Amino acid sequence: MSLLNSGFSYFLFYSRLGEASKRLQRERRDKLHEWEERLSSFDSFLRKAEREADRLEPIGVDLETVKRQNEDFEVRFF
């Protein structure tokens, strides 16, 4: 009877271990997918910001031009 109980205990242990392993793999896969989605969104944001920055004129050399550019920038982006 002891061997039977011992074998059953091992079976339960490995069965639970297998279930836990599958659950952890699933959670890891889900987190990876979530991370990939965030990374894709961030990449899109950066590409859009680069396009916007490319449209801006070069920074002026005199104070009045810089002030005007700053005001234009604040109106455009904030």
Protein backbone atom coordinates (compact mmCIF):
# COMPACT_ATOMS: atom_id res chain seq x y z
CA MET A 1 0.00 0.00 0.00
CA SER A 2 2.87 2.33 0.76
CA LEU A 3 4.35 1.93 -2.73
CA LEU A 4 0.99 2.70 -4.27
CA ASN A 5 0.60 5.88 -2.25
CA SER A 6 4.17 6.87 -2.98
CA GLY A 7 3.69 6.34 -6.73
CA PHE A 8 0.46 8.30 -6.69
CA SER A 9 2.17 11.13 -4.80
CA TYR A 10 4.89 11.31 -7.44
CA PHE A 11 2.25 11.31 -10.15
CA LEU A 12 0.42 14.20 -8.48
CA PHE A 13 3.66 16.09 -7.97
CA TYR A 14 4.73 15.78 -11.63
CA SER A 15 1.23 16.48 -12.83
CA ARG A 16 1.08 19.71 -10.83
CA LEU A 17 4.60 20.59 -11.90
CA GLY A 18 3.59 20.16 -15.54
CA GLU A 19 0.51 22.33 -15.05
CA ALA A 20 2.56 25.03 -13.34
CA SER A 21 5.13 24.92 -16.13
CA LYS A 22 2.43 25.33 -18.79
CA ARG A 23 0.84 28.20 -16.86
CA LEU A 24 4.19 29.99 -16.53
CA GLN A 25 4.92 29.51 -20.23
CA ARG A 26 1.49 30.92 -21.12
CA GLU A 27 2.01 33.93 -18.81
CA ARG A 28 5.47 34.54 -20.28
CA ARG A 29 4.04 34.35 -23.83
CA ASP A 30 1.27 36.80 -22.90
CA LYS A 31 3.74 39.25 -21.37
CA LEU A 32 5.96 39.02 -24.44
CA HIS A 33 2.98 39.75 -26.69
CA GLU A 34 2.03 42.74 -24.53
CA TRP A 35 5.62 44.02 -24.65
CA GLU A 36 5.70 43.66 -28.45
CA GLU A 37 2.47 45.66 -28.76
CA ARG A 38 3.87 48.44 -26.56
CA LEU A 39 7.10 48.46 -28.53
CA SER A 40 5.18 48.73 -31.78
CA SER A 41 3.14 51.66 -30.42
CA PHE A 42 6.28 53.41 -29.23
CA ASP A 43 7.94 52.87 -32.62
CA SER A 44 4.92 54.44 -34.34
CA PHE A 45 5.06 57.39 -31.95
CA LEU A 46 8.76 57.94 -32.65
CA ARG A 47 8.29 57.76 -36.41
CA LYS A 48 5.51 60.34 -36.24
CA ALA A 49 7.64 62.60 -34.02
CA GLU A 50 10.54 62.32 -36.49
CA ARG A 51 8.27 63.35 -39.37
CA GLU A 52 7.04 66.33 -37.37
CA ALA A 53 10.60 67.34 -36.42
CA ASP A 54 11.66 67.11 -40.08
CA ARG A 55 8.96 69.64 -40.99
CA LEU A 56 10.27 72.24 -38.55
CA GLU A 57 12.53 74.99 -39.81
CA PRO A 58 16.10 75.23 -38.49
CA ILE A 59 16.54 77.10 -35.21
CA GLY A 60 17.04 80.82 -35.78
CA VAL A 61 20.17 82.69 -34.83
CA ASP A 62 18.58 85.90 -33.53
CA LEU A 63 16.47 86.24 -30.39
CA GLU A 64 13.25 87.38 -32.11
CA THR A 65 13.28 84.43 -34.52
CA VAL A 66 13.90 81.98 -31.67
CA LYS A 67 11.03 83.49 -29.63
CA ARG A 68 8.67 83.21 -32.62
CA GLN A 69 9.76 79.63 -33.27
CA ASN A 70 9.22 78.76 -29.61
CA GLU A 71 5.70 80.19 -29.70
CA ASP A 72 4.95 78.30 -32.92
CA PHE A 73 6.27 75.12 -31.36
CA GLU A 74 4.15 75.52 -28.21
CA VAL A 75 1.01 76.16 -30.25
CA ARG A 76 1.73 73.23 -32.53
CA PHE A 77 2.63 70.59 -29.93
CA PHE A 78 0.98 71.60 -26.65
